[in-house]
Amino acid sequence: MTINKNYDGSTLNVALEGRLDTTTAPDLERELKEDMDGATALVLDFSKLDYISSAGLRVLLSAHKAMAGKGGMKVTHVNEIVNEVFDVTGFADILTIE
């Protein structure tokens, strides 16, 4: 998985490419922990994310909780496969998805 990060003011933008699974979830978790402290908002771009596993969902839930008191987190450009996982697991009700 490829992780591209940049700041737009105090918003941390993170674009993911590939698969967010048991192997790559720790990488995303580490990357987010490095940069989330200075952010007031987090935007995750999933336009090139092909797959998400329960390990990836755990990282998203952790990030969502961390950003809840700061300004929030949103997930953008979710494909049908990932959106179906969000629907089945109830994450569609928890996350802000655009």
PDB file of N, CA and C in Angstrom:
ATOM      1  N   MET A   1       0.839  -1.175   0.000  1.00  0.00           N
ATOM      2  CA  MET A   1       0.000   0.000   0.000  1.00  0.00           C
ATOM      3  C   MET A   1       0.885   1.240   0.000  1.00  0.00           C
ATOM      4  N   THR A   2       0.459   2.236  -0.722  1.00  0.00           N
ATOM      5  CA  THR A   2       1.147   3.518  -0.777  1.00  0.00           C
ATOM      6  C   THR A   2       0.340   4.527   0.030  1.00  0.00           C
ATOM      7  N   ILE A   3       1.047   5.302   0.869  1.00  0.00           N
ATOM      8  CA  ILE A   3       0.417   6.330   1.698  1.00  0.00           C
ATOM      9  C   ILE A   3       1.010   7.675   1.306  1.00  0.00           C
ATOM     10  N   ASN A   4       0.161   8.574   0.832  1.00  0.00           N
ATOM     11  CA  ASN A   4       0.603   9.926   0.497  1.00  0.00           C
ATOM     12  C   ASN A   4      -0.075  10.899   1.446  1.00  0.00           C
ATOM     13  N   LYS A   5       0.745  11.721   2.143  1.00  0.00           N
ATOM     14  CA  LYS A   5       0.217  12.670   3.128  1.00  0.00           C
ATOM     15  C   LYS A   5       0.619  14.086   2.760  1.00  0.00           C
ATOM     16  N   ASN A   6      -0.285  15.025   3.051  1.00  0.00           N
ATOM     17  CA  ASN A   6       0.063  16.434   2.960  1.00  0.00           C
ATOM     18  C   ASN A   6      -0.891  17.229   3.835  1.00  0.00           C
ATOM     19  N   TYR A   7      -0.442  18.396   4.197  1.00  0.00           N
ATOM     20  CA  TYR A   7      -1.262  19.300   5.002  1.00  0.00           C
ATOM     21  C   TYR A   7      -1.839  20.394   4.122  1.00  0.00           C
ATOM     22  N   ASP A   8      -3.101  20.715   4.377  1.00  0.00           N
ATOM     23  CA  ASP A   8      -3.749  21.883   3.792  1.00  0.00           C
ATOM     24  C   ASP A   8      -4.180  22.720   4.989  1.00  0.00           C
ATOM     25  N   GLY A   9      -3.342  23.646   5.384  1.00  0.00           N
ATOM     26  CA  GLY A   9      -3.564  24.369   6.640  1.00  0.00           C
ATOM     27  C   GLY A   9      -3.389  23.388   7.789  1.00  0.00           C
ATOM     28  N   SER A  10      -4.414  23.224   8.598  1.00  0.00           N
ATOM     29  CA  SER A  10      -4.326  22.283   9.708  1.00  0.00           C
ATOM     30  C   SER A  10      -5.071  20.975   9.412  1.00  0.00           C
ATOM     31  N   THR A  11      -5.450  20.777   8.143  1.00  0.00           N
ATOM     32  CA  THR A  11      -6.106  19.534   7.726  1.00  0.00           C
ATOM     33  C   THR A  11      -5.063  18.578   7.172  1.00  0.00           C
ATOM     34  N   LEU A  12      -5.019  17.385   7.733  1.00  0.00           N
ATOM     35  CA  LEU A  12      -4.124  16.344   7.240  1.00  0.00           C
ATOM     36  C   LEU A  12      -4.881  15.537   6.187  1.00  0.00           C
ATOM     37  N   ASN A  13      -4.356  15.545   4.965  1.00  0.00           N
ATOM     38  CA  ASN A  13      -4.932  14.779   3.864  1.00  0.00           C
ATOM     39  C   ASN A  13      -4.083  13.541   3.637  1.00  0.00           C
ATOM     40  N   VAL A  14      -4.731  12.379   3.616  1.00  0.00           N
ATOM     41  CA  VAL A  14      -4.022  11.116   3.427  1.00  0.00           C
ATOM     42  C   VAL A  14      -4.698  10.347   2.305  1.00  0.00           C
ATOM     43  N   ALA A  15      -3.935  10.057   1.247  1.00  0.00           N
ATOM     44  CA  ALA A  15      -4.444   9.270   0.122  1.00  0.00           C
ATOM     45  C   ALA A  15      -3.816   7.883   0.188  1.00  0.00           C
ATOM     46  N   LEU A  16      -4.666   6.869   0.105  1.00  0.00           N
ATOM     47  CA  LEU A  16      -4.201   5.489   0.170  1.00  0.00           C
ATOM     48  C   LEU A  16      -4.352   4.830  -1.190  1.00  0.00           C
ATOM     49  N   GLU A  17      -3.378   3.984  -1.526  1.00  0.00           N
ATOM     50  CA  GLU A  17      -3.416   3.260  -2.790  1.00  0.00           C
ATOM     51  C   GLU A  17      -3.051   1.804  -2.534  1.00  0.00           C
ATOM     52  N   GLY A  18      -3.904   0.892  -2.968  1.00  0.00           N
ATOM     53  CA  GLY A  18      -3.625  -0.530  -2.789  1.00  0.00           C
ATOM     54  C   GLY A  18      -4.594  -1.180  -1.829  1.00  0.00           C
ATOM     55  N   ARG A  19      -4.044  -2.010  -0.919  1.00  0.00           N
ATOM     56  CA  ARG A  19      -4.853  -2.787   0.024  1.00  0.00           C
ATOM     57  C   ARG A  19      -4.531  -2.385   1.458  1.00  0.00           C
ATOM     58  N   LEU A  20      -5.574  -2.132   2.231  1.00  0.00           N
ATOM     59  CA  LEU A  20      -5.423  -1.844   3.659  1.00  0.00           C
ATOM     60  C   LEU A  20      -5.840  -3.111   4.395  1.00  0.00           C
ATOM     61  N   ASP A  21      -4.834  -3.900   4.793  1.00  0.00           N
ATOM     62  CA  ASP A  21      -5.113  -5.201   5.392  1.00  0.00           C
ATOM     63  C   ASP A  21      -4.188  -5.446   6.582  1.00  0.00           C
ATOM     64  N   THR A  22      -4.125  -6.666   7.038  1.00  0.00           N
ATOM     65  CA  THR A  22      -3.330  -7.015   8.218  1.00  0.00           C
ATOM     66  C   THR A  22      -1.866  -6.630   8.055  1.00  0.00           C
ATOM     67  N   THR A  23      -1.360  -6.743   6.850  1.00  0.00           N
ATOM     68  CA  THR A  23       0.045  -6.431   6.588  1.00  0.00           C
ATOM     69  C   THR A  23       0.308  -4.934   6.570  1.00  0.00           C
ATOM     70  N   THR A  24      -0.614  -4.151   6.006  1.00  0.00           N
ATOM     71  CA  THR A  24      -0.367  -2.717   5.798  1.00  0.00           C
ATOM     72  C   THR A  24      -0.997  -1.815   6.852  1.00  0.00           C
ATOM     73  N   ALA A  25      -1.959  -2.326   7.618  1.00  0.00           N
ATOM     74  CA  ALA A  25      -2.626  -1.500   8.635  1.00  0.00           C
ATOM     75  C   ALA A  25      -1.652  -0.903   9.649  1.00  0.00           C
ATOM     76  N   PRO A  26      -0.647  -1.669  10.127  1.00  0.00           N
ATOM     77  CA  PRO A  26       0.304  -1.056  11.065  1.00  0.00           C
ATOM     78  C   PRO A  26       1.066   0.128  10.465  1.00  0.00           C
ATOM     79  N   ASP A  27       1.327   0.074   9.161  1.00  0.00           N
ATOM     80  CA  ASP A  27       2.008   1.195   8.495  1.00  0.00           C
ATOM     81  C   ASP A  27       1.148   2.452   8.529  1.00  0.00           C
ATOM     82  N   LEU A  28      -0.140   2.289   8.213  1.00  0.00           N
ATOM     83  CA  LEU A  28      -1.039   3.442   8.246  1.00  0.00           C
ATOM     84  C   LEU A  28      -1.184   3.973   9.662  1.00  0.00           C
ATOM     85  N   GLU A  29      -1.318   3.082  10.613  1.00  0.00           N
ATOM     86  CA  GLU A  29      -1.457   3.504  12.010  1.00  0.00           C
ATOM     87  C   GLU A  29      -0.242   4.325  12.454  1.00  0.00           C
ATOM     88  N   ARG A  30       0.941   3.873  12.105  1.00  0.00           N
ATOM     89  CA  ARG A  30       2.173   4.587  12.447  1.00  0.00           C
ATOM     90  C   ARG A  30       2.225   5.958  11.772  1.00  0.00           C
ATOM     91  N   GLU A  31       1.886   5.994  10.490  1.00  0.00           N
ATOM     92  CA  GLU A  31       1.906   7.253   9.741  1.00  0.00           C
ATOM     93  C   GLU A  31       0.912   8.262  10.318  1.00  0.00           C
ATOM     94  N   LEU A  32      -0.279   7.789  10.668  1.00  0.00           N
ATOM     95  CA  LEU A  32      -1.286   8.693  11.233  1.00  0.00           C
ATOM     96  C   LEU A  32      -0.853   9.216  12.592  1.00  0.00           C
ATOM     97  N   LYS A  33      -0.299   8.361  13.427  1.00  0.00           N
ATOM     98  CA  LYS A  33       0.142   8.799  14.752  1.00  0.00           C
ATOM     99  C   LYS A  33       1.221   9.868  14.655  1.00  0.00           C
ATOM    100  N   GLU A  34       2.072   9.764  13.640  1.00  0.00           N
ATOM    101  CA  GLU A  34       3.146  10.745  13.456  1.00  0.00           C
ATOM    102  C   GLU A  34       2.603  12.142  13.180  1.00  0.00           C
ATOM    103  N   ASP A  35       1.498  12.234  12.460  1.00  0.00           N
ATOM    104  CA  ASP A  35       1.038  13.530  11.962  1.00  0.00           C
ATOM    105  C   ASP A  35      -0.296  14.019  12.496  1.00  0.00           C
ATOM    106  N   MET A  36      -1.086  13.179  13.142  1.00  0.00           N
ATOM    107  CA  MET A  36      -2.422  13.594  13.581  1.00  0.00           C
ATOM    108  C   MET A  36      -2.401  14.603  14.715  1.00  0.00           C
ATOM    109  N   ASP A  37      -1.376  14.601  15.531  1.00  0.00           N
ATOM    110  CA  ASP A  37      -1.346  15.513  16.675  1.00  0.00           C
ATOM    111  C   ASP A  37      -1.472  16.974  16.260  1.00  0.00           C
ATOM    112  N   GLY A  38      -0.848  17.350  15.156  1.00  0.00           N
ATOM    113  CA  GLY A  38      -0.887  18.735  14.708  1.00  0.00           C
ATOM    114  C   GLY A  38      -2.092  19.074  13.850  1.00  0.00           C
ATOM    115  N   ALA A  39      -2.937  18.098  13.577  1.00  0.00           N
ATOM    116  CA  ALA A  39      -4.066  18.318  12.677  1.00  0.00           C
ATOM    117  C   ALA A  39      -5.345  18.600  13.452  1.00  0.00           C
ATOM    118  N   THR A  40      -6.182  19.470  12.880  1.00  0.00           N
ATOM    119  CA  THR A  40      -7.511  19.694  13.451  1.00  0.00           C
ATOM    120  C   THR A  40      -8.573  18.935  12.668  1.00  0.00           C
ATOM    121  N   ALA A  41      -8.214  18.413  11.499  1.00  0.00           N
ATOM    122  CA  ALA A  41      -9.131  17.601  10.697  1.00  0.00           C
ATOM    123  C   ALA A  41      -8.308  16.590   9.902  1.00  0.00           C
ATOM    124  N   LEU A  42      -8.941  15.468   9.597  1.00  0.00           N
ATOM    125  CA  LEU A  42      -8.298  14.400   8.837  1.00  0.00           C
ATOM    126  C   LEU A  42      -9.208  14.023   7.681  1.00  0.00           C
ATOM    127  N   VAL A  43      -8.648  14.012   6.467  1.00  0.00           N
ATOM    128  CA  VAL A  43      -9.385  13.597   5.276  1.00  0.00           C
ATOM    129  C   VAL A  43      -8.638  12.415   4.668  1.00  0.00           C
ATOM    130  N   LEU A  44      -9.336  11.286   4.546  1.00  0.00           N
ATOM    131  CA  LEU A  44      -8.769  10.084   3.949  1.00  0.00           C
ATOM    132  C   LEU A  44      -9.349   9.906   2.553  1.00  0.00           C
ATOM    133  N   ASP A  45      -8.488   9.897   1.542  1.00  0.00           N
ATOM    134  CA  ASP A  45      -8.901   9.732   0.154  1.00  0.00           C
ATOM    135  C   ASP A  45      -8.724   8.262  -0.226  1.00  0.00           C
ATOM    136  N   PHE A  46      -9.853   7.579  -0.477  1.00  0.00           N
ATOM    137  CA  PHE A  46      -9.828   6.154  -0.799  1.00  0.00           C
ATOM    138  C   PHE A  46     -10.035   5.900  -2.292  1.00  0.00           C
ATOM    139  N   SER A  47      -9.816   6.895  -3.147  1.00  0.00           N
ATOM    140  CA  SER A  47     -10.077   6.724  -4.574  1.00  0.00           C
ATOM    141  C   SER A  47      -9.250   5.603  -5.191  1.00  0.00           C
ATOM    142  N   LYS A  48      -8.092   5.291  -4.622  1.00  0.00           N
ATOM    143  CA  LYS A  48      -7.249   4.225  -5.169  1.00  0.00           C
ATOM    144  C   LYS A  48      -7.079   3.066  -4.193  1.00  0.00           C
ATOM    145  N   LEU A  49      -7.959   3.000  -3.177  1.00  0.00           N
ATOM    146  CA  LEU A  49      -7.924   1.887  -2.233  1.00  0.00           C
ATOM    147  C   LEU A  49      -8.772   0.750  -2.793  1.00  0.00           C
ATOM    148  N   ASP A  50      -8.164  -0.425  -2.944  1.00  0.00           N
ATOM    149  CA  ASP A  50      -8.835  -1.572  -3.561  1.00  0.00           C
ATOM    150  C   ASP A  50      -9.564  -2.454  -2.566  1.00  0.00           C
ATOM    151  N   TYR A  51      -9.098  -2.470  -1.312  1.00  0.00           N
ATOM    152  CA  TYR A  51      -9.608  -3.455  -0.348  1.00  0.00           C
ATOM    153  C   TYR A  51      -9.336  -2.953   1.065  1.00  0.00           C
ATOM    154  N   ILE A  52     -10.224  -3.295   2.005  1.00  0.00           N
ATOM    155  CA  ILE A  52      -9.998  -2.987   3.412  1.00  0.00           C
ATOM    156  C   ILE A  52     -10.418  -4.194   4.242  1.00  0.00           C
ATOM    157  N   SER A  53      -9.579  -4.571   5.200  1.00  0.00           N
ATOM    158  CA  SER A  53      -9.871  -5.700   6.086  1.00  0.00           C
ATOM    159  C   SER A  53     -10.257  -5.184   7.469  1.00  0.00           C
ATOM    160  N   SER A  54     -10.534  -6.103   8.373  1.00  0.00           N
ATOM    161  CA  SER A  54     -10.888  -5.715   9.741  1.00  0.00           C
ATOM    162  C   SER A  54      -9.733  -4.981  10.416  1.00  0.00           C
ATOM    163  N   ALA A  55      -8.504  -5.321  10.064  1.00  0.00           N
ATOM    164  CA  ALA A  55      -7.353  -4.610  10.631  1.00  0.00           C
ATOM    165  C   ALA A  55      -7.358  -3.148  10.179  1.00  0.00           C
ATOM    166  N   GLY A  56      -7.725  -2.909   8.940  1.00  0.00           N
ATOM    167  CA  GLY A  56      -7.845  -1.542   8.431  1.00  0.00           C
ATOM    168  C   GLY A  56      -8.986  -0.794   9.092  1.00  0.00           C
ATOM    169  N   LEU A  57     -10.095  -1.491   9.322  1.00  0.00           N
ATOM    170  CA  LEU A  57     -11.229  -0.874  10.009  1.00  0.00           C
ATOM    171  C   LEU A  57     -10.851  -0.450  11.417  1.00  0.00           C
ATOM    172  N   ARG A  58     -10.046  -1.257  12.092  1.00  0.00           N
ATOM    173  CA  ARG A  58      -9.608  -0.924  13.449  1.00  0.00           C
ATOM    174  C   ARG A  58      -8.796   0.374  13.439  1.00  0.00           C
ATOM    175  N   VAL A  59      -7.919   0.548  12.455  1.00  0.00           N
ATOM    176  CA  VAL A  59      -7.123   1.777  12.346  1.00  0.00           C
ATOM    177  C   VAL A  59      -8.043   2.975  12.089  1.00  0.00           C
ATOM    178  N   LEU A  60      -9.044   2.794  11.237  1.00  0.00           N
ATOM    179  CA  LEU A  60      -9.984   3.883  10.965  1.00  0.00           C
ATOM    180  C   LEU A  60     -10.767   4.268  12.206  1.00  0.00           C
ATOM    181  N   LEU A  61     -11.209   3.280  12.966  1.00  0.00           N
ATOM    182  CA  LEU A  61     -11.962   3.570  14.184  1.00  0.00           C
ATOM    183  C   LEU A  61     -11.097   4.315  15.189  1.00  0.00           C
ATOM    184  N   SER A  62      -9.862   3.911  15.320  1.00  0.00           N
ATOM    185  CA  SER A  62      -8.937   4.577  16.232  1.00  0.00           C
ATOM    186  C   SER A  62      -8.704   6.028  15.807  1.00  0.00           C
ATOM    187  N   ALA A  63      -8.503   6.241  14.516  1.00  0.00           N
ATOM    188  CA  ALA A  63      -8.301   7.604  14.003  1.00  0.00           C
ATOM    189  C   ALA A  63      -9.560   8.443  14.190  1.00  0.00           C
ATOM    190  N   HIS A  64     -10.714   7.835  13.950  1.00  0.00           N
ATOM    191  CA  HIS A  64     -11.995   8.539  14.128  1.00  0.00           C
ATOM    192  C   HIS A  64     -12.147   9.016  15.568  1.00  0.00           C
ATOM    193  N   LYS A  65     -11.838   8.154  16.511  1.00  0.00           N
ATOM    194  CA  LYS A  65     -11.933   8.516  17.934  1.00  0.00           C
ATOM    195  C   LYS A  65     -10.945   9.621  18.282  1.00  0.00           C
ATOM    196  N   ALA A  66      -9.727   9.533  17.749  1.00  0.00           N
ATOM    197  CA  ALA A  66      -8.703  10.540  18.040  1.00  0.00           C
ATOM    198  C   ALA A  66      -9.076  11.908  17.479  1.00  0.00           C
ATOM    199  N   MET A  67      -9.753  11.929  16.340  1.00  0.00           N
ATOM    200  CA  MET A  67     -10.086  13.199  15.685  1.00  0.00           C
ATOM    201  C   MET A  67     -11.434  13.752  16.119  1.00  0.00           C
ATOM    202  N   ALA A  68     -12.224  12.978  16.847  1.00  0.00           N
ATOM    203  CA  ALA A  68     -13.583  13.396  17.224  1.00  0.00           C
ATOM    204  C   ALA A  68     -13.604  14.718  17.985  1.00  0.00           C
ATOM    205  N   GLY A  69     -12.672  14.936  18.865  1.00  0.00           N
ATOM    206  CA  GLY A  69     -12.649  16.162  19.656  1.00  0.00           C
ATOM    207  C   GLY A  69     -11.904  17.303  19.005  1.00  0.00           C
ATOM    208  N   LYS A  70     -11.304  17.060  17.847  1.00  0.00           N
ATOM    209  CA  LYS A  70     -10.471  18.073  17.203  1.00  0.00           C
ATOM    210  C   LYS A  70     -11.149  18.795  16.050  1.00  0.00           C
ATOM    211  N   GLY A  71     -12.002  18.148  15.348  1.00  0.00           N
ATOM    212  CA  GLY A  71     -12.586  18.741  14.153  1.00  0.00           C
ATOM    213  C   GLY A  71     -13.099  17.677  13.214  1.00  0.00           C
ATOM    214  N   GLY A  72     -12.791  16.442  13.514  1.00  0.00           N
ATOM    215  CA  GLY A  72     -13.376  15.340  12.780  1.00  0.00           C
ATOM    216  C   GLY A  72     -12.523  14.735  11.699  1.00  0.00           C
ATOM    217  N   MET A  73     -13.090  13.675  11.147  1.00  0.00           N
ATOM    218  CA  MET A  73     -12.442  12.904  10.103  1.00  0.00           C
ATOM    219  C   MET A  73     -13.484  12.569   9.050  1.00  0.00           C
ATOM    220  N   LYS A  74     -13.087  12.613   7.788  1.00  0.00           N
ATOM    221  CA  LYS A  74     -13.987  12.167   6.740  1.00  0.00           C
ATOM    222  C   LYS A  74     -13.229  11.296   5.750  1.00  0.00           C
ATOM    223  N   VAL A  75     -13.978  10.408   5.120  1.00  0.00           N
ATOM    224  CA  VAL A  75     -13.439   9.494   4.120  1.00  0.00           C
ATOM    225  C   VAL A  75     -14.074   9.859   2.787  1.00  0.00           C
ATOM    226  N   THR A  76     -13.252  10.036   1.759  1.00  0.00           N
ATOM    227  CA  THR A  76     -13.759  10.456   0.461  1.00  0.00           C
ATOM    228  C   THR A  76     -13.436   9.423  -0.616  1.00  0.00           C
ATOM    229  N   HIS A  77     -14.197   9.496  -1.700  1.00  0.00           N
ATOM    230  CA  HIS A  77     -13.972   8.692  -2.912  1.00  0.00           C
ATOM    231  C   HIS A  77     -13.900   7.191  -2.630  1.00  0.00           C
ATOM    232  N   VAL A  78     -14.896   6.689  -1.926  1.00  0.00           N
ATOM    233  CA  VAL A  78     -14.941   5.269  -1.560  1.00  0.00           C
ATOM    234  C   VAL A  78     -15.556   4.467  -2.709  1.00  0.00           C
ATOM    235  N   ASN A  79     -14.859   3.401  -3.129  1.00  0.00           N
ATOM    236  CA  ASN A  79     -15.390   2.573  -4.213  1.00  0.00           C
ATOM    237  C   ASN A  79     -16.457   1.611  -3.679  1.00  0.00           C
ATOM    238  N   GLU A  80     -17.100   0.878  -4.576  1.00  0.00           N
ATOM    239  CA  GLU A  80     -18.202  -0.004  -4.209  1.00  0.00           C
ATOM    240  C   GLU A  80     -17.782  -1.114  -3.256  1.00  0.00           C
ATOM    241  N   ILE A  81     -16.607  -1.690  -3.471  1.00  0.00           N
ATOM    242  CA  ILE A  81     -16.137  -2.799  -2.636  1.00  0.00           C
ATOM    243  C   ILE A  81     -15.926  -2.343  -1.197  1.00  0.00           C
ATOM    244  N   VAL A  82     -15.230  -1.238  -1.026  1.00  0.00           N
ATOM    245  CA  VAL A  82     -14.963  -0.716   0.318  1.00  0.00           C
ATOM    246  C   VAL A  82     -16.258  -0.215   0.943  1.00  0.00           C
ATOM    247  N   ASN A  83     -17.113   0.410   0.149  1.00  0.00           N
ATOM    248  CA  ASN A  83     -18.384   0.906   0.670  1.00  0.00           C
ATOM    249  C   ASN A  83     -19.259  -0.240   1.175  1.00  0.00           C
ATOM    250  N   GLU A  84     -19.221  -1.370   0.496  1.00  0.00           N
ATOM    251  CA  GLU A  84     -19.983  -2.538   0.939  1.00  0.00           C
ATOM    252  C   GLU A  84     -19.474  -3.033   2.293  1.00  0.00           C
ATOM    253  N   VAL A  85     -18.154  -3.021   2.492  1.00  0.00           N
ATOM    254  CA  VAL A  85     -17.584  -3.397   3.785  1.00  0.00           C
ATOM    255  C   VAL A  85     -18.067  -2.430   4.865  1.00  0.00           C
ATOM    256  N   PHE A  86     -18.082  -1.143   4.557  1.00  0.00           N
ATOM    257  CA  PHE A  86     -18.571  -0.145   5.512  1.00  0.00           C
ATOM    258  C   PHE A  86     -20.046  -0.393   5.857  1.00  0.00           C
ATOM    259  N   ASP A  87     -20.844  -0.727   4.861  1.00  0.00           N
ATOM    260  CA  ASP A  87     -22.271  -0.983   5.097  1.00  0.00           C
ATOM    261  C   ASP A  87     -22.482  -2.219   5.973  1.00  0.00           C
ATOM    262  N   VAL A  88     -21.819  -3.307   5.637  1.00  0.00           N
ATOM    263  CA  VAL A  88     -22.001  -4.573   6.345  1.00  0.00           C
ATOM    264  C   VAL A  88     -21.533  -4.479   7.796  1.00  0.00           C
ATOM    265  N   THR A  89     -20.456  -3.738   8.029  1.00  0.00           N
ATOM    266  CA  THR A  89     -19.884  -3.647   9.376  1.00  0.00           C
ATOM    267  C   THR A  89     -20.492  -2.537  10.224  1.00  0.00           C
ATOM    268  N   GLY A  90     -21.300  -1.675   9.615  1.00  0.00           N
ATOM    269  CA  GLY A  90     -21.883  -0.557  10.356  1.00  0.00           C
ATOM    270  C   GLY A  90     -21.018   0.679  10.361  1.00  0.00           C
ATOM    271  N   PHE A  91     -19.865   0.625   9.727  1.00  0.00           N
ATOM    272  CA  PHE A  91     -18.978   1.785   9.667  1.00  0.00           C
ATOM    273  C   PHE A  91     -19.604   2.919   8.870  1.00  0.00           C
ATOM    274  N   ALA A  92     -20.523   2.591   7.959  1.00  0.00           N
ATOM    275  CA  ALA A  92     -21.201   3.634   7.182  1.00  0.00           C
ATOM    276  C   ALA A  92     -22.011   4.544   8.093  1.00  0.00           C
ATOM    277  N   ASP A  93     -22.440   4.028   9.246  1.00  0.00           N
ATOM    278  CA  ASP A  93     -23.196   4.826  10.212  1.00  0.00           C
ATOM    279  C   ASP A  93     -22.290   5.623  11.140  1.00  0.00           C
ATOM    280  N   ILE A  94     -21.040   5.224  11.256  1.00  0.00           N
ATOM    281  CA  ILE A  94     -20.097   5.854  12.185  1.00  0.00           C
ATOM    282  C   ILE A  94     -19.272   6.934  11.496  1.00  0.00           C
ATOM    283  N   LEU A  95     -18.765   6.620  10.303  1.00  0.00           N
ATOM    284  CA  LEU A  95     -17.850   7.519   9.597  1.00  0.00           C
ATOM    285  C   LEU A  95     -18.599   8.534   8.757  1.00  0.00           C
ATOM    286  N   THR A  96     -17.953   9.671   8.518  1.00  0.00           N
ATOM    287  CA  THR A  96     -18.444  10.639   7.551  1.00  0.00           C
ATOM    288  C   THR A  96     -17.837  10.273   6.208  1.00  0.00           C
ATOM    289  N   ILE A  97     -18.695   9.833   5.291  1.00  0.00           N
ATOM    290  CA  ILE A  97     -18.228   9.357   3.975  1.00  0.00           C
ATOM    291  C   ILE A  97     -18.795  10.267   2.908  1.00  0.00           C
ATOM    292  N   GLU A  98     -17.904  10.793   2.093  1.00  0.00           N
ATOM    293  CA  GLU A  98     -18.320  11.677   0.990  1.00  0.00           C
ATOM    294  C   GLU A  98     -17.905  11.092  -0.340  1.00  0.00           C
TER     295      GLU A  98
END
